[in-house]
Amino acid sequence: MALTPHPDLSSQVPPRTDDAIDDAALERVMREVPSGALALSLLTVGLLLLAWFLMYAFVFLPRGMVG
């Protein structure tokens, strides 16, 4: 049984005219997106540091000095 390739339908679809993005909307979105990414990265790093500190305080310190 031979497989027939599917035609690329994306090349047959005409572009829509209402998909245009005006410059003001694009600038507004690009101003909001980096601040959200920064907040997410700060939250992630903060949780990582908190987990490290809790592990240090409750696992390593109670065991005492090595040696």
Protein backbone atom coordinates (compact mmCIF):
# COMPACT_ATOMS: atom_id res chain seq x y z
CA MET A 1 0.00 0.00 0.00
CA ALA A 2 1.57 3.25 -1.11
CA LEU A 3 1.29 6.35 1.01
CA THR A 4 0.28 9.51 -0.77
CA PRO A 5 1.61 12.78 0.60
CA HIS A 6 -0.90 15.27 1.87
CA PRO A 7 -0.97 18.56 -0.01
CA ASP A 8 0.26 21.61 1.86
CA LEU A 9 -3.04 23.35 2.53
CA SER A 10 -1.43 26.36 4.20
CA SER A 11 -0.20 27.62 0.85
CA GLN A 12 -3.74 27.54 -0.56
CA VAL A 13 -5.31 29.72 2.15
CA PRO A 14 -5.41 33.40 1.22
CA PRO A 15 -4.11 35.83 3.86
CA ARG A 16 -6.77 37.56 5.93
CA THR A 17 -6.85 41.32 5.88
CA ASP A 18 -8.15 41.66 9.45
CA ASP A 19 -5.02 40.00 10.90
CA ALA A 20 -3.06 43.22 10.66
CA ILE A 21 -1.54 44.43 13.93
CA ASP A 22 -1.30 48.14 14.46
CA ASP A 23 1.90 49.53 15.94
CA ALA A 24 0.26 50.86 19.12
CA ALA A 25 -1.19 47.45 20.04
CA LEU A 26 2.11 45.72 19.32
CA GLU A 27 4.02 48.21 21.46
CA ARG A 28 1.52 47.82 24.32
CA VAL A 29 1.86 44.02 24.27
CA MET A 30 5.65 44.15 24.06
CA ARG A 31 5.70 46.49 27.07
CA GLU A 32 3.61 44.08 29.19
CA VAL A 33 5.16 40.74 28.23
CA PRO A 34 8.74 41.29 29.50
CA SER A 35 7.50 42.42 32.91
CA GLY A 36 5.50 39.21 33.27
CA ALA A 37 8.51 37.12 32.28
CA LEU A 38 10.65 39.02 34.77
CA ALA A 39 8.11 38.45 37.55
CA LEU A 40 7.95 34.74 36.75
CA SER A 41 11.73 34.37 36.74
CA LEU A 42 12.08 36.29 40.02
CA LEU A 43 9.43 34.10 41.63
CA THR A 44 11.17 30.95 40.40
CA VAL A 45 14.61 32.03 41.62
CA GLY A 46 13.13 33.15 44.95
CA LEU A 47 11.47 29.77 45.48
CA LEU A 48 14.71 28.00 44.55
CA LEU A 49 16.69 30.05 47.08
CA LEU A 50 14.04 29.48 49.74
CA ALA A 51 14.15 25.71 49.15
CA TRP A 52 17.96 25.74 49.36
CA PHE A 53 17.89 27.72 52.61
CA LEU A 54 15.28 25.44 54.17
CA MET A 55 17.28 22.36 53.21
CA TYR A 56 20.43 23.91 54.63
CA ALA A 57 18.69 24.91 57.87
CA PHE A 58 16.76 21.69 58.48
CA VAL A 59 19.04 19.03 56.97
CA PHE A 60 22.67 20.13 57.09
CA LEU A 61 22.82 22.27 60.24
CA PRO A 62 21.24 19.66 62.56
CA ARG A 63 23.81 17.06 61.46
CA GLY A 64 26.65 19.17 62.79
CA MET A 65 30.21 19.53 61.55
CA VAL A 66 31.88 16.88 59.44
CA GLY A 67 35.02 15.38 60.87
